[in-house]
Amino acid sequence: MSSFEEELLQDEQETAREIAFIRERLPMDLKEQYNDEQLRWMLDTIVDYYVDSGILDSDDDEIDIDLEEVSQHVCEQAKKEGRAALDPQDVFFVVEADLDFQEENL
């Protein structure tokens, strides 16, 4: 297997672990609301937000991330792309769990 294929496989495995982690953290009523494809899209959109906002370019030891702003961005992107309407309060739990996952796996 080429190193590129190995990287893709590792990335897919990491995403699967993160989705499982997020599902564990979601409130009971939200656990079944999103399928894996929707969560994967949300995770990609969250990363896009971090890249586009410049948050990842900061040299600060601690970065203040407004989870509500990120949640709102995900909902706005879903609307722009013609996806199902998302509730920012529900998406907040996904954004929060994503951040928790990232912090635990640094």
PDB file of N, CA and C in Angstrom:
ATOM      1  N   MET A   1       0.848  -1.172   0.000  1.00  0.00           N
ATOM      2  CA  MET A   1       0.000   0.000   0.000  1.00  0.00           C
ATOM      3  C   MET A   1       0.897   1.240   0.000  1.00  0.00           C
ATOM      4  N   SER A   2       0.558   2.226  -0.819  1.00  0.00           N
ATOM      5  CA  SER A   2       1.366   3.440  -0.880  1.00  0.00           C
ATOM      6  C   SER A   2       1.160   4.285   0.370  1.00  0.00           C
ATOM      7  N   SER A   3       2.086   5.167   0.625  1.00  0.00           N
ATOM      8  CA  SER A   3       1.982   6.008   1.812  1.00  0.00           C
ATOM      9  C   SER A   3       0.758   6.912   1.739  1.00  0.00           C
ATOM     10  N   PHE A   4       0.386   7.347   0.525  1.00  0.00           N
ATOM     11  CA  PHE A   4      -0.814   8.164   0.371  1.00  0.00           C
ATOM     12  C   PHE A   4      -2.056   7.366   0.762  1.00  0.00           C
ATOM     13  N   GLU A   5      -2.138   6.122   0.300  1.00  0.00           N
ATOM     14  CA  GLU A   5      -3.270   5.261   0.649  1.00  0.00           C
ATOM     15  C   GLU A   5      -3.295   4.985   2.151  1.00  0.00           C
ATOM     16  N   GLU A   6      -2.123   4.797   2.731  1.00  0.00           N
ATOM     17  CA  GLU A   6      -2.038   4.572   4.173  1.00  0.00           C
ATOM     18  C   GLU A   6      -2.515   5.799   4.937  1.00  0.00           C
ATOM     19  N   GLU A   7      -2.131   6.986   4.448  1.00  0.00           N
ATOM     20  CA  GLU A   7      -2.580   8.229   5.076  1.00  0.00           C
ATOM     21  C   GLU A   7      -4.092   8.361   5.008  1.00  0.00           C
ATOM     22  N   LEU A   8      -4.657   8.059   3.850  1.00  0.00           N
ATOM     23  CA  LEU A   8      -6.117   8.125   3.701  1.00  0.00           C
ATOM     24  C   LEU A   8      -6.814   7.155   4.654  1.00  0.00           C
ATOM     25  N   LEU A   9      -6.269   5.959   4.776  1.00  0.00           N
ATOM     26  CA  LEU A   9      -6.834   4.966   5.670  1.00  0.00           C
ATOM     27  C   LEU A   9      -6.742   5.423   7.118  1.00  0.00           C
ATOM     28  N   GLN A  10      -5.604   5.968   7.508  1.00  0.00           N
ATOM     29  CA  GLN A  10      -5.441   6.471   8.871  1.00  0.00           C
ATOM     30  C   GLN A  10      -6.399   7.625   9.151  1.00  0.00           C
ATOM     31  N   ASP A  11      -6.559   8.512   8.161  1.00  0.00           N
ATOM     32  CA  ASP A  11      -7.478   9.637   8.314  1.00  0.00           C
ATOM     33  C   ASP A  11      -8.909   9.144   8.483  1.00  0.00           C
ATOM     34  N   GLU A  12      -9.286   8.161   7.696  1.00  0.00           N
ATOM     35  CA  GLU A  12     -10.644   7.604   7.788  1.00  0.00           C
ATOM     36  C   GLU A  12     -10.857   6.928   9.145  1.00  0.00           C
ATOM     37  N   GLN A  13      -9.845   6.221   9.634  1.00  0.00           N
ATOM     38  CA  GLN A  13      -9.941   5.571  10.947  1.00  0.00           C
ATOM     39  C   GLN A  13     -10.051   6.610  12.060  1.00  0.00           C
ATOM     40  N   GLU A  14      -9.298   7.697  11.945  1.00  0.00           N
ATOM     41  CA  GLU A  14      -9.354   8.781  12.939  1.00  0.00           C
ATOM     42  C   GLU A  14     -10.739   9.422  12.934  1.00  0.00           C
ATOM     43  N   THR A  15     -11.281   9.637  11.754  1.00  0.00           N
ATOM     44  CA  THR A  15     -12.624  10.221  11.649  1.00  0.00           C
ATOM     45  C   THR A  15     -13.659   9.288  12.265  1.00  0.00           C
ATOM     46  N   ALA A  16     -13.536   7.997  12.025  1.00  0.00           N
ATOM     47  CA  ALA A  16     -14.471   7.027  12.611  1.00  0.00           C
ATOM     48  C   ALA A  16     -14.379   7.050  14.142  1.00  0.00           C
ATOM     49  N   ARG A  17     -13.164   7.150  14.676  1.00  0.00           N
ATOM     50  CA  ARG A  17     -12.995   7.245  16.148  1.00  0.00           C
ATOM     51  C   ARG A  17     -13.624   8.526  16.677  1.00  0.00           C
ATOM     52  N   GLU A  18     -13.439   9.619  15.938  1.00  0.00           N
ATOM     53  CA  GLU A  18     -14.009  10.883  16.377  1.00  0.00           C
ATOM     54  C   GLU A  18     -15.536  10.855  16.338  1.00  0.00           C
ATOM     55  N   ILE A  19     -16.099  10.266  15.302  1.00  0.00           N
ATOM     56  CA  ILE A  19     -17.558  10.168  15.216  1.00  0.00           C
ATOM     57  C   ILE A  19     -18.092   9.329  16.374  1.00  0.00           C
ATOM     58  N   ALA A  20     -17.434   8.242  16.695  1.00  0.00           N
ATOM     59  CA  ALA A  20     -17.848   7.414  17.839  1.00  0.00           C
ATOM     60  C   ALA A  20     -17.759   8.215  19.133  1.00  0.00           C
ATOM     61  N   PHE A  21     -16.699   8.991  19.287  1.00  0.00           N
ATOM     62  CA  PHE A  21     -16.511   9.843  20.461  1.00  0.00           C
ATOM     63  C   PHE A  21     -17.648  10.858  20.566  1.00  0.00           C
ATOM     64  N   ILE A  22     -17.967  11.498  19.446  1.00  0.00           N
ATOM     65  CA  ILE A  22     -19.042  12.504  19.427  1.00  0.00           C
ATOM     66  C   ILE A  22     -20.370  11.860  19.790  1.00  0.00           C
ATOM     67  N   ARG A  23     -20.654  10.710  19.230  1.00  0.00           N
ATOM     68  CA  ARG A  23     -21.920  10.015  19.539  1.00  0.00           C
ATOM     69  C   ARG A  23     -22.038   9.720  21.040  1.00  0.00           C
ATOM     70  N   GLU A  24     -20.933   9.389  21.685  1.00  0.00           N
ATOM     71  CA  GLU A  24     -20.946   9.135  23.129  1.00  0.00           C
ATOM     72  C   GLU A  24     -21.283  10.396  23.913  1.00  0.00           C
ATOM     73  N   ARG A  25     -20.903  11.550  23.396  1.00  0.00           N
ATOM     74  CA  ARG A  25     -21.076  12.825  24.099  1.00  0.00           C
ATOM     75  C   ARG A  25     -22.411  13.508  23.822  1.00  0.00           C
ATOM     76  N   LEU A  26     -23.068  13.132  22.740  1.00  0.00           N
ATOM     77  CA  LEU A  26     -24.322  13.799  22.394  1.00  0.00           C
ATOM     78  C   LEU A  26     -25.420  13.456  23.392  1.00  0.00           C
ATOM     79  N   PRO A  27     -26.317  14.417  23.668  1.00  0.00           N
ATOM     80  CA  PRO A  27     -27.483  14.106  24.483  1.00  0.00           C
ATOM     81  C   PRO A  27     -28.317  13.014  23.812  1.00  0.00           C
ATOM     82  N   MET A  28     -29.022  12.248  24.616  1.00  0.00           N
ATOM     83  CA  MET A  28     -29.784  11.096  24.125  1.00  0.00           C
ATOM     84  C   MET A  28     -30.656  11.434  22.920  1.00  0.00           C
ATOM     85  N   ASP A  29     -31.343  12.572  22.964  1.00  0.00           N
ATOM     86  CA  ASP A  29     -32.270  12.903  21.878  1.00  0.00           C
ATOM     87  C   ASP A  29     -31.559  13.248  20.569  1.00  0.00           C
ATOM     88  N   LEU A  30     -30.242  13.494  20.609  1.00  0.00           N
ATOM     89  CA  LEU A  30     -29.502  13.829  19.396  1.00  0.00           C
ATOM     90  C   LEU A  30     -28.676  12.670  18.847  1.00  0.00           C
ATOM     91  N   LYS A  31     -28.519  11.619  19.617  1.00  0.00           N
ATOM     92  CA  LYS A  31     -27.646  10.512  19.222  1.00  0.00           C
ATOM     93  C   LYS A  31     -28.009   9.924  17.858  1.00  0.00           C
ATOM     94  N   GLU A  32     -29.273   9.813  17.570  1.00  0.00           N
ATOM     95  CA  GLU A  32     -29.710   9.213  16.309  1.00  0.00           C
ATOM     96  C   GLU A  32     -30.120  10.247  15.265  1.00  0.00           C
ATOM     97  N   GLN A  33     -30.044  11.517  15.636  1.00  0.00           N
ATOM     98  CA  GLN A  33     -30.494  12.569  14.715  1.00  0.00           C
ATOM     99  C   GLN A  33     -29.566  12.716  13.504  1.00  0.00           C
ATOM    100  N   TYR A  34     -28.272  12.493  13.719  1.00  0.00           N
ATOM    101  CA  TYR A  34     -27.305  12.670  12.640  1.00  0.00           C
ATOM    102  C   TYR A  34     -26.677  11.336  12.264  1.00  0.00           C
ATOM    103  N   ASN A  35     -26.606  11.057  10.960  1.00  0.00           N
ATOM    104  CA  ASN A  35     -25.908   9.850  10.515  1.00  0.00           C
ATOM    105  C   ASN A  35     -24.417  10.171  10.375  1.00  0.00           C
ATOM    106  N   ASP A  36     -23.614   9.153  10.098  1.00  0.00           N
ATOM    107  CA  ASP A  36     -22.164   9.340  10.009  1.00  0.00           C
ATOM    108  C   ASP A  36     -21.781  10.322   8.911  1.00  0.00           C
ATOM    109  N   GLU A  37     -22.476  10.278   7.791  1.00  0.00           N
ATOM    110  CA  GLU A  37     -22.166  11.195   6.691  1.00  0.00           C
ATOM    111  C   GLU A  37     -22.407  12.638   7.116  1.00  0.00           C
ATOM    112  N   GLN A  38     -23.497  12.893   7.833  1.00  0.00           N
ATOM    113  CA  GLN A  38     -23.786  14.242   8.307  1.00  0.00           C
ATOM    114  C   GLN A  38     -22.727  14.707   9.304  1.00  0.00           C
ATOM    115  N   LEU A  39     -22.340  13.836  10.208  1.00  0.00           N
ATOM    116  CA  LEU A  39     -21.308  14.196  11.181  1.00  0.00           C
ATOM    117  C   LEU A  39     -19.972  14.441  10.486  1.00  0.00           C
ATOM    118  N   ARG A  40     -19.639  13.622   9.518  1.00  0.00           N
ATOM    119  CA  ARG A  40     -18.396  13.798   8.759  1.00  0.00           C
ATOM    120  C   ARG A  40     -18.410  15.163   8.059  1.00  0.00           C
ATOM    121  N   TRP A  41     -19.537  15.513   7.458  1.00  0.00           N
ATOM    122  CA  TRP A  41     -19.666  16.813   6.803  1.00  0.00           C
ATOM    123  C   TRP A  41     -19.494  17.939   7.819  1.00  0.00           C
ATOM    124  N   MET A  42     -20.118  17.801   8.981  1.00  0.00           N
ATOM    125  CA  MET A  42     -19.984  18.826  10.023  1.00  0.00           C
ATOM    126  C   MET A  42     -18.526  18.984  10.443  1.00  0.00           C
ATOM    127  N   LEU A  43     -17.835  17.862  10.636  1.00  0.00           N
ATOM    128  CA  LEU A  43     -16.426  17.919  11.038  1.00  0.00           C
ATOM    129  C   LEU A  43     -15.593  18.637   9.978  1.00  0.00           C
ATOM    130  N   ASP A  44     -15.833  18.329   8.718  1.00  0.00           N
ATOM    131  CA  ASP A  44     -15.116  19.010   7.633  1.00  0.00           C
ATOM    132  C   ASP A  44     -15.422  20.507   7.626  1.00  0.00           C
ATOM    133  N   THR A  45     -16.671  20.849   7.865  1.00  0.00           N
ATOM    134  CA  THR A  45     -17.088  22.253   7.870  1.00  0.00           C
ATOM    135  C   THR A  45     -16.482  22.995   9.062  1.00  0.00           C
ATOM    136  N   ILE A  46     -16.375  22.327  10.192  1.00  0.00           N
ATOM    137  CA  ILE A  46     -15.734  22.925  11.369  1.00  0.00           C
ATOM    138  C   ILE A  46     -14.265  23.222  11.066  1.00  0.00           C
ATOM    139  N   VAL A  47     -13.578  22.262  10.465  1.00  0.00           N
ATOM    140  CA  VAL A  47     -12.165  22.472  10.102  1.00  0.00           C
ATOM    141  C   VAL A  47     -12.045  23.629   9.112  1.00  0.00           C
ATOM    142  N   ASP A  48     -12.923  23.676   8.126  1.00  0.00           N
ATOM    143  CA  ASP A  48     -12.908  24.781   7.161  1.00  0.00           C
ATOM    144  C   ASP A  48     -13.062  26.118   7.877  1.00  0.00           C
ATOM    145  N   TYR A  49     -13.948  26.168   8.867  1.00  0.00           N
ATOM    146  CA  TYR A  49     -14.138  27.403   9.638  1.00  0.00           C
ATOM    147  C   TYR A  49     -12.841  27.799  10.335  1.00  0.00           C
ATOM    148  N   TYR A  50     -12.198  26.844  10.992  1.00  0.00           N
ATOM    149  CA  TYR A  50     -10.946  27.141  11.703  1.00  0.00           C
ATOM    150  C   TYR A  50      -9.881  27.647  10.741  1.00  0.00           C
ATOM    151  N   VAL A  51      -9.771  27.027   9.580  1.00  0.00           N
ATOM    152  CA  VAL A  51      -8.773  27.443   8.592  1.00  0.00           C
ATOM    153  C   VAL A  51      -9.102  28.839   8.071  1.00  0.00           C
ATOM    154  N   ASP A  52     -10.352  29.047   7.654  1.00  0.00           N
ATOM    155  CA  ASP A  52     -10.752  30.328   7.059  1.00  0.00           C
ATOM    156  C   ASP A  52     -10.716  31.484   8.053  1.00  0.00           C
ATOM    157  N   SER A  53     -10.982  31.204   9.321  1.00  0.00           N
ATOM    158  CA  SER A  53     -11.020  32.266  10.329  1.00  0.00           C
ATOM    159  C   SER A  53      -9.628  32.678  10.796  1.00  0.00           C
ATOM    160  N   GLY A  54      -8.618  31.864  10.502  1.00  0.00           N
ATOM    161  CA  GLY A  54      -7.261  32.172  10.939  1.00  0.00           C
ATOM    162  C   GLY A  54      -6.934  31.681  12.338  1.00  0.00           C
ATOM    163  N   ILE A  55      -7.868  31.023  12.978  1.00  0.00           N
ATOM    164  CA  ILE A  55      -7.653  30.520  14.336  1.00  0.00           C
ATOM    165  C   ILE A  55      -6.418  29.629  14.400  1.00  0.00           C
ATOM    166  N   LEU A  56      -6.220  28.815  13.386  1.00  0.00           N
ATOM    167  CA  LEU A  56      -5.096  27.873  13.389  1.00  0.00           C
ATOM    168  C   LEU A  56      -3.753  28.567  13.178  1.00  0.00           C
ATOM    169  N   ASP A  57      -3.777  29.822  12.746  1.00  0.00           N
ATOM    170  CA  ASP A  57      -2.545  30.568  12.512  1.00  0.00           C
ATOM    171  C   ASP A  57      -2.037  31.280  13.756  1.00  0.00           C
ATOM    172  N   SER A  58      -2.803  31.229  14.828  1.00  0.00           N
ATOM    173  CA  SER A  58      -2.446  31.938  16.050  1.00  0.00           C
ATOM    174  C   SER A  58      -1.218  31.320  16.710  1.00  0.00           C
ATOM    175  N   ASP A  59      -0.357  32.191  17.239  1.00  0.00           N
ATOM    176  CA  ASP A  59       0.826  31.745  17.976  1.00  0.00           C
ATOM    177  C   ASP A  59       0.566  31.662  19.474  1.00  0.00           C
ATOM    178  N   ASP A  60      -0.633  32.042  19.897  1.00  0.00           N
ATOM    179  CA  ASP A  60      -0.982  32.022  21.314  1.00  0.00           C
ATOM    180  C   ASP A  60      -1.019  30.597  21.840  1.00  0.00           C
ATOM    181  N   ASP A  61      -0.629  30.439  23.106  1.00  0.00           N
ATOM    182  CA  ASP A  61      -0.685  29.126  23.741  1.00  0.00           C
ATOM    183  C   ASP A  61      -2.119  28.656  23.909  1.00  0.00           C
ATOM    184  N   GLU A  62      -3.005  29.595  24.192  1.00  0.00           N
ATOM    185  CA  GLU A  62      -4.425  29.269  24.329  1.00  0.00           C
ATOM    186  C   GLU A  62      -5.210  30.057  23.297  1.00  0.00           C
ATOM    187  N   ILE A  63      -6.121  29.378  22.657  1.00  0.00           N
ATOM    188  CA  ILE A  63      -6.957  30.002  21.641  1.00  0.00           C
ATOM    189  C   ILE A  63      -8.391  29.985  22.146  1.00  0.00           C
ATOM    190  N   ASP A  64      -9.032  31.139  22.099  1.00  0.00           N
ATOM    191  CA  ASP A  64     -10.425  31.242  22.520  1.00  0.00           C
ATOM    192  C   ASP A  64     -11.315  30.990  21.310  1.00  0.00           C
ATOM    193  N   ILE A  65     -12.062  29.893  21.355  1.00  0.00           N
ATOM    194  CA  ILE A  65     -12.948  29.530  20.252  1.00  0.00           C
ATOM    195  C   ILE A  65     -14.388  29.732  20.700  1.00  0.00           C
ATOM    196  N   ASP A  66     -15.112  30.530  19.953  1.00  0.00           N
ATOM    197  CA  ASP A  66     -16.521  30.783  20.241  1.00  0.00           C
ATOM    198  C   ASP A  66     -17.334  29.642  19.622  1.00  0.00           C
ATOM    199  N   LEU A  67     -17.714  28.680  20.456  1.00  0.00           N
ATOM    200  CA  LEU A  67     -18.420  27.495  19.966  1.00  0.00           C
ATOM    201  C   LEU A  67     -19.760  27.849  19.334  1.00  0.00           C
ATOM    202  N   GLU A  68     -20.408  28.874  19.848  1.00  0.00           N
ATOM    203  CA  GLU A  68     -21.685  29.293  19.266  1.00  0.00           C
ATOM    204  C   GLU A  68     -21.485  29.844  17.859  1.00  0.00           C
ATOM    205  N   GLU A  69     -20.393  30.585  17.665  1.00  0.00           N
ATOM    206  CA  GLU A  69     -20.089  31.132  16.345  1.00  0.00           C
ATOM    207  C   GLU A  69     -19.780  30.002  15.354  1.00  0.00           C
ATOM    208  N   VAL A  70     -19.032  29.015  15.803  1.00  0.00           N
ATOM    209  CA  VAL A  70     -18.721  27.873  14.941  1.00  0.00           C
ATOM    210  C   VAL A  70     -19.998  27.124  14.597  1.00  0.00           C
ATOM    211  N   SER A  71     -20.856  26.923  15.584  1.00  0.00           N
ATOM    212  CA  SER A  71     -22.132  26.228  15.359  1.00  0.00           C
ATOM    213  C   SER A  71     -22.984  26.981  14.336  1.00  0.00           C
ATOM    214  N   GLN A  72     -23.031  28.280  14.479  1.00  0.00           N
ATOM    215  CA  GLN A  72     -23.810  29.105  13.547  1.00  0.00           C
ATOM    216  C   GLN A  72     -23.236  28.987  12.141  1.00  0.00           C
ATOM    217  N   HIS A  73     -21.917  28.979  12.039  1.00  0.00           N
ATOM    218  CA  HIS A  73     -21.268  28.841  10.730  1.00  0.00           C
ATOM    219  C   HIS A  73     -21.656  27.513  10.063  1.00  0.00           C
ATOM    220  N   VAL A  74     -21.648  26.443  10.835  1.00  0.00           N
ATOM    221  CA  VAL A  74     -22.013  25.126  10.290  1.00  0.00           C
ATOM    222  C   VAL A  74     -23.448  25.171   9.762  1.00  0.00           C
ATOM    223  N   CYS A  75     -24.336  25.785  10.513  1.00  0.00           N
ATOM    224  CA  CYS A  75     -25.736  25.878  10.085  1.00  0.00           C
ATOM    225  C   CYS A  75     -25.874  26.727   8.822  1.00  0.00           C
ATOM    226  N   GLU A  76     -25.129  27.827   8.750  1.00  0.00           N
ATOM    227  CA  GLU A  76     -25.171  28.681   7.563  1.00  0.00           C
ATOM    228  C   GLU A  76     -24.640  27.947   6.329  1.00  0.00           C
ATOM    229  N   GLN A  77     -23.572  27.184   6.507  1.00  0.00           N
ATOM    230  CA  GLN A  77     -23.017  26.418   5.394  1.00  0.00           C
ATOM    231  C   GLN A  77     -24.007  25.360   4.912  1.00  0.00           C
ATOM    232  N   ALA A  78     -24.694  24.721   5.853  1.00  0.00           N
ATOM    233  CA  ALA A  78     -25.688  23.709   5.483  1.00  0.00           C
ATOM    234  C   ALA A  78     -26.776  24.349   4.623  1.00  0.00           C
ATOM    235  N   LYS A  79     -27.207  25.531   5.017  1.00  0.00           N
ATOM    236  CA  LYS A  79     -28.237  26.239   4.252  1.00  0.00           C
ATOM    237  C   LYS A  79     -27.723  26.607   2.863  1.00  0.00           C
ATOM    238  N   LYS A  80     -26.483  27.139   2.792  1.00  0.00           N
ATOM    239  CA  LYS A  80     -25.890  27.518   1.502  1.00  0.00           C
ATOM    240  C   LYS A  80     -25.775  26.324   0.560  1.00  0.00           C
ATOM    241  N   GLU A  81     -25.479  25.151   1.124  1.00  0.00           N
ATOM    242  CA  GLU A  81     -25.273  23.953   0.309  1.00  0.00           C
ATOM    243  C   GLU A  81     -26.568  23.180   0.050  1.00  0.00           C
ATOM    244  N   GLY A  82     -27.692  23.697   0.553  1.00  0.00           N
ATOM    245  CA  GLY A  82     -28.968  23.042   0.321  1.00  0.00           C
ATOM    246  C   GLY A  82     -29.165  21.778   1.151  1.00  0.00           C
ATOM    247  N   ARG A  83     -28.456  21.688   2.242  1.00  0.00           N
ATOM    248  CA  ARG A  83     -28.603  20.531   3.134  1.00  0.00           C
ATOM    249  C   ARG A  83     -29.798  20.766   4.053  1.00  0.00           C
ATOM    250  N   ALA A  84     -30.139  19.742   4.795  1.00  0.00           N
ATOM    251  CA  ALA A  84     -31.237  19.857   5.764  1.00  0.00           C
ATOM    252  C   ALA A  84     -30.915  20.967   6.763  1.00  0.00           C
ATOM    253  N   ALA A  85     -31.951  21.680   7.179  1.00  0.00           N
ATOM    254  CA  ALA A  85     -31.774  22.753   8.157  1.00  0.00           C
ATOM    255  C   ALA A  85     -31.249  22.173   9.469  1.00  0.00           C
ATOM    256  N   LEU A  86     -30.279  22.859  10.034  1.00  0.00           N
ATOM    257  CA  LEU A  86     -29.690  22.432  11.298  1.00  0.00           C
ATOM    258  C   LEU A  86     -29.981  23.465  12.372  1.00  0.00           C
ATOM    259  N   ASP A  87     -30.171  23.002  13.575  1.00  0.00           N
ATOM    260  CA  ASP A  87     -30.409  23.871  14.717  1.00  0.00           C
ATOM    261  C   ASP A  87     -29.069  24.172  15.378  1.00  0.00           C
ATOM    262  N   PRO A  88     -28.691  25.454  15.485  1.00  0.00           N
ATOM    263  CA  PRO A  88     -27.400  25.793  16.084  1.00  0.00           C
ATOM    264  C   PRO A  88     -27.224  25.242  17.505  1.00  0.00           C
ATOM    265  N   GLN A  89     -28.312  25.142  18.247  1.00  0.00           N
ATOM    266  CA  GLN A  89     -28.212  24.595  19.608  1.00  0.00           C
ATOM    267  C   GLN A  89     -27.855  23.116  19.576  1.00  0.00           C
ATOM    268  N   ASP A  90     -28.344  22.391  18.597  1.00  0.00           N
ATOM    269  CA  ASP A  90     -28.005  20.973  18.461  1.00  0.00           C
ATOM    270  C   ASP A  90     -26.576  20.812  17.936  1.00  0.00           C
ATOM    271  N   VAL A  91     -26.226  21.615  16.945  1.00  0.00           N
ATOM    272  CA  VAL A  91     -24.895  21.544  16.353  1.00  0.00           C
ATOM    273  C   VAL A  91     -23.834  21.915  17.386  1.00  0.00           C
ATOM    274  N   PHE A  92     -24.189  22.771  18.327  1.00  0.00           N
ATOM    275  CA  PHE A  92     -23.259  23.174  19.389  1.00  0.00           C
ATOM    276  C   PHE A  92     -22.655  21.953  20.086  1.00  0.00           C
ATOM    277  N   PHE A  93     -23.476  20.936  20.334  1.00  0.00           N
ATOM    278  CA  PHE A  93     -22.992  19.726  21.011  1.00  0.00           C
ATOM    279  C   PHE A  93     -21.950  18.995  20.161  1.00  0.00           C
ATOM    280  N   VAL A  94     -22.137  19.013  18.856  1.00  0.00           N
ATOM    281  CA  VAL A  94     -21.168  18.381  17.951  1.00  0.00           C
ATOM    282  C   VAL A  94     -19.859  19.170  17.968  1.00  0.00           C
ATOM    283  N   VAL A  95     -19.961  20.490  17.881  1.00  0.00           N
ATOM    284  CA  VAL A  95     -18.778  21.354  17.886  1.00  0.00           C
ATOM    285  C   VAL A  95     -18.015  21.191  19.199  1.00  0.00           C
ATOM    286  N   GLU A  96     -18.740  21.164  20.293  1.00  0.00           N
ATOM    287  CA  GLU A  96     -18.113  21.001  21.609  1.00  0.00           C
ATOM    288  C   GLU A  96     -17.418  19.642  21.726  1.00  0.00           C
ATOM    289  N   ALA A  97     -18.075  18.594  21.270  1.00  0.00           N
ATOM    290  CA  ALA A  97     -17.486  17.252  21.330  1.00  0.00           C
ATOM    291  C   ALA A  97     -16.266  17.155  20.419  1.00  0.00           C
ATOM    292  N   ASP A  98     -16.321  17.809  19.257  1.00  0.00           N
ATOM    293  CA  ASP A  98     -15.170  17.837  18.352  1.00  0.00           C
ATOM    294  C   ASP A  98     -13.971  18.485  19.045  1.00  0.00           C
ATOM    295  N   LEU A  99     -14.198  19.605  19.697  1.00  0.00           N
ATOM    296  CA  LEU A  99     -13.119  20.285  20.404  1.00  0.00           C
ATOM    297  C   LEU A  99     -12.569  19.410  21.528  1.00  0.00           C
ATOM    298  N   ASP A 100     -13.447  18.755  22.271  1.00  0.00           N
ATOM    299  CA  ASP A 100     -13.017  17.847  23.332  1.00  0.00           C
ATOM    300  C   ASP A 100     -12.149  16.722  22.762  1.00  0.00           C
ATOM    301  N   PHE A 101     -12.569  16.174  21.644  1.00  0.00           N
ATOM    302  CA  PHE A 101     -11.813  15.103  21.006  1.00  0.00           C
ATOM    303  C   PHE A 101     -10.419  15.597  20.613  1.00  0.00           C
ATOM    304  N   GLN A 102     -10.382  16.786  20.007  1.00  0.00           N
ATOM    305  CA  GLN A 102      -9.103  17.346  19.568  1.00  0.00           C
ATOM    306  C   GLN A 102      -8.175  17.586  20.762  1.00  0.00           C
ATOM    307  N   GLU A 103      -8.738  18.094  21.848  1.00  0.00           N
ATOM    308  CA  GLU A 103      -7.917  18.369  23.035  1.00  0.00           C
ATOM    309  C   GLU A 103      -7.390  17.083  23.664  1.00  0.00           C
ATOM    310  N   GLU A 104      -8.191  16.043  23.656  1.00  0.00           N
ATOM    311  CA  GLU A 104      -7.772  14.767  24.245  1.00  0.00           C
ATOM    312  C   GLU A 104      -6.772  14.034  23.372  1.00  0.00           C
ATOM    313  N   ASN A 105      -6.709  14.364  22.092  1.00  0.00           N
ATOM    314  CA  ASN A 105      -5.858  13.632  21.171  1.00  0.00           C
ATOM    315  C   ASN A 105      -4.713  14.460  20.606  1.00  0.00           C
ATOM    316  N   LEU A 106      -4.329  15.498  21.322  1.00  0.00           N
ATOM    317  CA  LEU A 106      -3.184  16.317  20.882  1.00  0.00           C
ATOM    318  C   LEU A 106      -1.887  15.601  21.108  1.00  0.00           C
TER     319      LEU A 106
END
